[in-house]
Amino acid sequence: MSSQAAAQQSSSAEAIPKVAELGTTSAPLKSAAFFIGAYCKEYNEDFMLCKDENRDPAHCLKEGRRVTRCATELITKLRENCLQQFEAHWACLEQNNQQYYRCRPAEHSLNSCVFEKLGLAKTIPGTPEGRIPVHEDRNPTLKRQQK
């Protein structure tokens, strides 16, 4: 890359408004992941379409920063409306190697609060029609896979 092209790329990146990092670790992000997916769906889709257009990271800074702003907004709303449930769930994930199945009781409480206060329901993409989603099954049975 020539120095002129690098300078032009740098100035275009600087023209895009900066956004603060989320300031959270992986456990709160994992706890909120499905809600972020639903709440920020349009921004996420724009970002992925942009990345399909051009693999240059600078090309999609604007779309990526919109996703970050949206996720920050949702994390703030979770903290304002469901702080106790949110903290209980992500703390459980943190103490249980990020495994959802070990934290289902805290997850049920968080899901109920988020639905009640923010109107967001946890949905898992690809769940077969007519089947109880794994996070809603009160008595899950793990079956050994036969080869």
Protein backbone atom coordinates (compact mmCIF):
# COMPACT_ATOMS: atom_id res chain seq x y z
CA MET A 1 0.00 0.00 0.00
CA SER A 2 1.37 3.39 -0.93
CA SER A 3 1.77 6.08 1.71
CA GLN A 4 -0.89 8.16 -0.06
CA ALA A 5 -3.40 5.28 0.04
CA ALA A 6 -2.60 4.65 3.72
CA ALA A 7 -3.12 8.33 4.55
CA GLN A 8 -6.43 8.39 2.67
CA GLN A 9 -7.61 5.23 4.46
CA SER A 10 -6.59 6.70 7.82
CA SER A 11 -8.42 9.98 7.19
CA SER A 12 -11.62 8.17 6.12
CA ALA A 13 -11.49 6.05 9.30
CA GLU A 14 -11.08 9.22 11.39
CA ALA A 15 -14.17 10.75 9.73
CA ILE A 16 -16.33 7.98 11.22
CA PRO A 17 -17.46 8.89 14.74
CA LYS A 18 -15.58 6.98 17.40
CA VAL A 19 -17.39 4.61 19.72
CA ALA A 20 -16.36 3.48 23.18
CA GLU A 21 -15.65 -0.17 23.79
CA LEU A 22 -18.37 -2.14 25.56
CA GLY A 23 -16.19 -2.40 28.65
CA THR A 24 -17.37 -5.87 29.55
CA THR A 25 -15.88 -9.34 29.68
CA SER A 26 -16.94 -12.43 27.76
CA ALA A 27 -19.42 -13.71 30.38
CA PRO A 28 -21.78 -10.69 30.26
CA LEU A 29 -21.52 -10.69 26.46
CA LYS A 30 -22.39 -14.37 26.30
CA SER A 31 -25.27 -13.85 28.72
CA ALA A 32 -26.66 -11.06 26.53
CA ALA A 33 -25.70 -12.57 23.16
CA PHE A 34 -29.12 -13.75 22.00
CA PHE A 35 -30.73 -10.49 23.11
CA ILE A 36 -28.05 -8.48 21.30
CA GLY A 37 -28.76 -10.58 18.21
CA ALA A 38 -32.46 -9.72 18.35
CA TYR A 39 -32.12 -6.09 19.47
CA CYS A 40 -29.34 -5.21 17.00
CA LYS A 41 -30.45 -7.43 14.12
CA GLU A 42 -30.57 -4.71 11.45
CA TYR A 43 -27.13 -3.33 12.36
CA ASN A 44 -25.64 -6.83 12.48
CA GLU A 45 -27.05 -7.66 9.05
CA ASP A 46 -25.72 -4.40 7.57
CA PHE A 47 -22.29 -5.16 9.01
CA MET A 48 -22.26 -8.69 7.59
CA LEU A 49 -23.39 -7.45 4.16
CA CYS A 50 -20.63 -4.86 4.24
CA LYS A 51 -18.04 -7.52 5.09
CA ASP A 52 -19.29 -9.59 2.14
CA GLU A 53 -18.69 -6.59 -0.14
CA ASN A 54 -15.12 -5.96 0.93
CA ARG A 55 -12.87 -7.84 3.35
CA ASP A 56 -10.87 -4.70 4.17
CA PRO A 57 -11.53 -4.02 7.88
CA ALA A 58 -11.56 -0.24 7.34
CA HIS A 59 -14.36 -0.57 4.79
CA CYS A 60 -16.93 -1.54 7.46
CA LEU A 61 -15.87 0.63 10.40
CA LYS A 62 -19.06 2.69 10.28
CA GLU A 63 -21.28 -0.41 10.32
CA GLY A 64 -19.18 -2.06 13.04
CA ARG A 65 -19.39 1.00 15.24
CA ARG A 66 -23.18 1.00 14.84
CA VAL A 67 -23.26 -2.60 16.08
CA THR A 68 -21.09 -1.63 19.07
CA ARG A 69 -23.32 1.36 19.92
CA CYS A 70 -26.42 -0.83 19.73
CA ALA A 71 -24.87 -3.54 21.93
CA THR A 72 -23.81 -0.86 24.44
CA GLU A 73 -27.36 0.50 24.49
CA LEU A 74 -28.78 -2.96 25.20
CA ILE A 75 -26.21 -3.78 27.91
CA THR A 76 -27.13 -0.47 29.56
CA LYS A 77 -30.84 -1.35 29.40
CA LEU A 78 -30.15 -4.80 30.86
CA ARG A 79 -28.27 -3.19 33.74
CA GLU A 80 -31.01 -0.62 34.32
CA ASN A 81 -33.92 -3.07 34.18
CA CYS A 82 -32.66 -6.55 35.08
CA LEU A 83 -29.38 -5.97 36.92
CA GLN A 84 -29.78 -8.70 39.54
CA GLN A 85 -30.82 -11.38 37.02
CA PHE A 86 -28.21 -10.31 34.47
CA GLU A 87 -25.38 -10.39 37.02
CA ALA A 88 -26.53 -13.73 38.43
CA HIS A 89 -26.55 -15.29 34.96
CA TRP A 90 -23.21 -14.00 33.75
CA ALA A 91 -21.56 -14.78 37.10
CA CYS A 92 -22.82 -18.35 36.78
CA LEU A 93 -21.43 -18.55 33.24
CA GLU A 94 -18.11 -17.20 34.44
CA GLN A 95 -17.90 -19.79 37.22
CA ASN A 96 -19.00 -22.68 34.98
CA ASN A 97 -16.66 -22.41 32.01
CA GLN A 98 -19.21 -20.40 29.95
CA GLN A 99 -21.56 -23.42 29.72
CA TYR A 100 -25.20 -22.39 29.34
CA TYR A 101 -26.65 -25.70 30.52
CA ARG A 102 -25.11 -25.27 33.97
CA CYS A 103 -26.86 -21.92 34.41
CA ARG A 104 -30.43 -22.62 33.27
CA PRO A 105 -32.19 -21.44 36.50
CA ALA A 106 -30.46 -18.04 36.34
CA GLU A 107 -31.11 -17.94 32.60
CA HIS A 108 -34.86 -18.54 33.07
CA SER A 109 -34.99 -15.65 35.53
CA LEU A 110 -33.06 -13.34 33.16
CA ASN A 111 -35.17 -14.33 30.15
CA SER A 112 -38.38 -13.59 32.07
CA CYS A 113 -37.14 -10.20 33.23
CA VAL A 114 -35.90 -9.17 29.78
CA PHE A 115 -39.19 -10.20 28.19
CA GLU A 116 -41.24 -8.43 30.85
CA LYS A 117 -39.22 -5.19 30.94
CA LEU A 118 -37.79 -4.91 27.40
CA GLY A 119 -40.11 -7.10 25.32
CA LEU A 120 -37.25 -9.24 24.02
CA ALA A 121 -37.60 -13.02 23.92
CA LYS A 122 -34.63 -15.33 23.65
CA THR A 123 -34.83 -17.33 20.44
CA ILE A 124 -32.19 -19.70 19.19
CA PRO A 125 -31.80 -19.67 15.40
CA GLY A 126 -32.31 -23.07 13.81
CA THR A 127 -34.53 -24.53 16.54
CA PRO A 128 -36.77 -27.07 14.76
CA GLU A 129 -40.50 -26.22 14.51
CA GLY A 130 -42.62 -27.83 17.16
CA ARG A 131 -39.70 -28.61 19.49
CA ILE A 132 -39.12 -27.04 22.87
CA PRO A 133 -36.01 -24.86 22.62
CA VAL A 134 -33.19 -26.25 24.75
CA HIS A 135 -33.16 -23.21 27.03
CA GLU A 136 -36.86 -23.66 27.85
CA ASP A 137 -36.81 -27.42 28.48
CA ARG A 138 -37.29 -27.89 32.22
CA ASN A 139 -36.10 -31.53 32.17
CA PRO A 140 -33.48 -31.87 29.44
CA THR A 141 -32.18 -35.34 28.73
CA LEU A 142 -28.79 -35.72 27.19
CA LYS A 143 -28.67 -38.76 24.91
CA ARG A 144 -25.45 -40.36 23.88
CA GLN A 145 -24.87 -40.14 20.17
CA GLN A 146 -24.41 -43.51 18.44
CA LYS A 147 -21.91 -43.67 15.61
